[in-house]
Amino acid sequence: MAWKGTEIDENDYDDDSVFWEPDPKDTIQGNVKWTGKGKYNTFMVIEADDGMTYKTPQHASLSRQIRKLGIEENDLVHITFLGDGEEPDDPEYSAPKLYKLLKWEE
């Protein structure tokens, strides 16, 4: 027996989805088509209210919220990109990207 992970590469998803590359305060809302574990973190593929299909970034802040909220296929979500966090003391690292993820519950 052995442990098995998803290790889905977001580039393997064969559809017309595009990467969501938000500016601070940008939002996206829609239904989750699926979630996956990419090379760095968890991401979602979302069919947005504007009719487009987007892949979310694998940033740690968003990934933690996806797992904490237990986001699954068909969940309605709303994401706001809050911008960059504080610059770390170590110049080898960049500032974290901060998000607010909401999940609709009836």
C-alpha atoms as a PDB file:
ATOM      1  CA  MET A   1       0.000   0.000   0.000  1.00  0.00           C
ATOM      2  CA  ALA A   2       1.038   3.591  -0.538  1.00  0.00           C
ATOM      3  CA  TRP A   3      -0.290   7.118  -0.108  1.00  0.00           C
ATOM      4  CA  LYS A   4      -1.662   8.688  -3.254  1.00  0.00           C
ATOM      5  CA  GLY A   5      -2.045  12.429  -3.885  1.00  0.00           C
ATOM      6  CA  THR A   6      -3.792  14.375  -6.607  1.00  0.00           C
ATOM      7  CA  GLU A   7      -0.742  16.254  -7.912  1.00  0.00           C
ATOM      8  CA  ILE A   8      -2.872  17.799 -10.634  1.00  0.00           C
ATOM      9  CA  ASP A   9      -1.041  20.361 -12.728  1.00  0.00           C
ATOM     10  CA  GLU A  10      -3.322  23.288 -13.459  1.00  0.00           C
ATOM     11  CA  ASN A  11      -1.850  23.344 -16.967  1.00  0.00           C
ATOM     12  CA  ASP A  12      -3.283  19.863 -17.626  1.00  0.00           C
ATOM     13  CA  TYR A  13      -6.869  21.080 -17.430  1.00  0.00           C
ATOM     14  CA  ASP A  14      -7.888  21.031 -21.081  1.00  0.00           C
ATOM     15  CA  ASP A  15     -10.463  23.760 -21.533  1.00  0.00           C
ATOM     16  CA  ASP A  16     -10.766  27.453 -22.288  1.00  0.00           C
ATOM     17  CA  SER A  17     -10.015  28.582 -18.736  1.00  0.00           C
ATOM     18  CA  VAL A  18      -7.555  31.401 -18.142  1.00  0.00           C
ATOM     19  CA  PHE A  19      -5.409  32.259 -15.148  1.00  0.00           C
ATOM     20  CA  TRP A  20      -6.993  34.859 -12.888  1.00  0.00           C
ATOM     21  CA  GLU A  21      -4.360  37.573 -12.481  1.00  0.00           C
ATOM     22  CA  PRO A  22      -6.050  40.125 -10.218  1.00  0.00           C
ATOM     23  CA  ASP A  23      -5.094  43.647  -9.275  1.00  0.00           C
ATOM     24  CA  PRO A  24      -5.717  44.777  -5.679  1.00  0.00           C
ATOM     25  CA  LYS A  25      -9.432  44.919  -4.840  1.00  0.00           C
ATOM     26  CA  ASP A  26     -10.394  42.785  -7.886  1.00  0.00           C
ATOM     27  CA  THR A  27     -13.082  40.210  -7.171  1.00  0.00           C
ATOM     28  CA  ILE A  28     -14.332  37.063  -8.800  1.00  0.00           C
ATOM     29  CA  GLN A  29     -17.531  35.183  -8.037  1.00  0.00           C
ATOM     30  CA  GLY A  30     -18.825  31.916  -9.427  1.00  0.00           C
ATOM     31  CA  ASN A  31     -19.209  28.179  -9.082  1.00  0.00           C
ATOM     32  CA  VAL A  32     -16.236  25.920  -8.459  1.00  0.00           C
ATOM     33  CA  LYS A  33     -15.799  23.411 -11.261  1.00  0.00           C
ATOM     34  CA  TRP A  34     -13.049  21.599  -9.368  1.00  0.00           C
ATOM     35  CA  THR A  35     -10.123  22.043  -7.008  1.00  0.00           C
ATOM     36  CA  GLY A  36      -6.671  20.571  -7.340  1.00  0.00           C
ATOM     37  CA  LYS A  37      -3.236  20.463  -5.779  1.00  0.00           C
ATOM     38  CA  GLY A  38      -0.715  22.012  -8.116  1.00  0.00           C
ATOM     39  CA  LYS A  39       3.048  22.186  -7.914  1.00  0.00           C
ATOM     40  CA  TYR A  40       2.964  24.689  -5.032  1.00  0.00           C
ATOM     41  CA  ASN A  41      -0.508  24.801  -3.435  1.00  0.00           C
ATOM     42  CA  THR A  42      -4.212  24.181  -3.870  1.00  0.00           C
ATOM     43  CA  PHE A  43      -6.083  26.060  -6.593  1.00  0.00           C
ATOM     44  CA  MET A  44      -9.633  26.233  -7.973  1.00  0.00           C
ATOM     45  CA  VAL A  45     -11.174  26.334 -11.420  1.00  0.00           C
ATOM     46  CA  ILE A  46     -14.162  28.688 -11.250  1.00  0.00           C
ATOM     47  CA  GLU A  47     -16.942  29.328 -13.747  1.00  0.00           C
ATOM     48  CA  ALA A  48     -17.445  33.017 -13.032  1.00  0.00           C
ATOM     49  CA  ASP A  49     -20.601  35.068 -13.259  1.00  0.00           C
ATOM     50  CA  ASP A  50     -19.180  36.788 -16.357  1.00  0.00           C
ATOM     51  CA  GLY A  51     -19.274  33.434 -18.208  1.00  0.00           C
ATOM     52  CA  MET A  52     -15.492  32.982 -18.215  1.00  0.00           C
ATOM     53  CA  THR A  53     -13.685  30.064 -16.574  1.00  0.00           C
ATOM     54  CA  TYR A  54     -10.684  30.982 -14.419  1.00  0.00           C
ATOM     55  CA  LYS A  55      -7.900  29.140 -12.591  1.00  0.00           C
ATOM     56  CA  THR A  56      -6.944  30.775  -9.312  1.00  0.00           C
ATOM     57  CA  PRO A  57      -3.332  31.385  -8.302  1.00  0.00           C
ATOM     58  CA  GLN A  58      -1.627  28.913  -5.961  1.00  0.00           C
ATOM     59  CA  HIS A  59      -0.761  31.582  -3.390  1.00  0.00           C
ATOM     60  CA  ALA A  60      -0.488  30.307   0.190  1.00  0.00           C
ATOM     61  CA  SER A  61      -3.115  32.679   1.644  1.00  0.00           C
ATOM     62  CA  LEU A  62      -5.781  31.545  -0.839  1.00  0.00           C
ATOM     63  CA  SER A  63      -4.770  27.887  -0.624  1.00  0.00           C
ATOM     64  CA  ARG A  64      -5.138  27.850   3.183  1.00  0.00           C
ATOM     65  CA  GLN A  65      -8.628  29.351   2.919  1.00  0.00           C
ATOM     66  CA  ILE A  66      -9.684  26.815   0.260  1.00  0.00           C
ATOM     67  CA  ARG A  67      -8.724  23.974   2.611  1.00  0.00           C
ATOM     68  CA  LYS A  68     -10.130  25.607   5.755  1.00  0.00           C
ATOM     69  CA  LEU A  69     -13.537  26.253   4.144  1.00  0.00           C
ATOM     70  CA  GLY A  70     -13.573  22.772   2.591  1.00  0.00           C
ATOM     71  CA  ILE A  71     -14.265  24.151  -0.889  1.00  0.00           C
ATOM     72  CA  GLU A  72     -15.688  21.496  -3.211  1.00  0.00           C
ATOM     73  CA  GLU A  73     -17.085  21.180  -6.707  1.00  0.00           C
ATOM     74  CA  ASN A  74     -20.240  23.288  -7.283  1.00  0.00           C
ATOM     75  CA  ASP A  75     -19.644  25.546  -4.254  1.00  0.00           C
ATOM     76  CA  LEU A  76     -20.463  29.199  -4.898  1.00  0.00           C
ATOM     77  CA  VAL A  77     -17.454  31.320  -3.940  1.00  0.00           C
ATOM     78  CA  HIS A  78     -16.488  34.997  -3.877  1.00  0.00           C
ATOM     79  CA  ILE A  79     -12.796  35.977  -3.822  1.00  0.00           C
ATOM     80  CA  THR A  80     -11.291  39.412  -3.267  1.00  0.00           C
ATOM     81  CA  PHE A  81      -7.599  40.028  -3.880  1.00  0.00           C
ATOM     82  CA  LEU A  82      -6.487  42.334  -1.070  1.00  0.00           C
ATOM     83  CA  GLY A  83      -3.016  43.025  -2.458  1.00  0.00           C
ATOM     84  CA  ASP A  84       0.448  42.364  -1.104  1.00  0.00           C
ATOM     85  CA  GLY A  85       1.202  41.829   2.569  1.00  0.00           C
ATOM     86  CA  GLU A  86       4.261  43.124   4.414  1.00  0.00           C
ATOM     87  CA  GLU A  87       7.646  42.660   2.835  1.00  0.00           C
ATOM     88  CA  PRO A  88       9.622  39.974   4.687  1.00  0.00           C
ATOM     89  CA  ASP A  89      13.001  40.757   6.252  1.00  0.00           C
ATOM     90  CA  ASP A  90      14.694  38.170   4.045  1.00  0.00           C
ATOM     91  CA  PRO A  91      15.224  39.718   0.574  1.00  0.00           C
ATOM     92  CA  GLU A  92      15.055  36.260  -1.032  1.00  0.00           C
ATOM     93  CA  TYR A  93      11.305  36.167  -0.345  1.00  0.00           C
ATOM     94  CA  SER A  94       8.589  38.376  -1.751  1.00  0.00           C
ATOM     95  CA  ALA A  95       5.584  39.823   0.064  1.00  0.00           C
ATOM     96  CA  PRO A  96       2.666  37.405   0.456  1.00  0.00           C
ATOM     97  CA  LYS A  97      -0.395  37.826  -1.770  1.00  0.00           C
ATOM     98  CA  LEU A  98      -3.483  38.280   0.416  1.00  0.00           C
ATOM     99  CA  TYR A  99      -7.035  37.148  -0.400  1.00  0.00           C
ATOM    100  CA  LYS A 100     -10.457  37.011   1.227  1.00  0.00           C
ATOM    101  CA  LEU A 101     -12.406  33.869   0.219  1.00  0.00           C
ATOM    102  CA  LEU A 102     -16.113  33.520   0.984  1.00  0.00           C
ATOM    103  CA  LYS A 103     -18.260  30.409   0.501  1.00  0.00           C
ATOM    104  CA  TRP A 104     -22.030  30.677   0.082  1.00  0.00           C
ATOM    105  CA  GLU A 105     -24.041  28.529   2.491  1.00  0.00           C
ATOM    106  CA  GLU A 106     -27.796  28.102   2.488  1.00  0.00           C
END
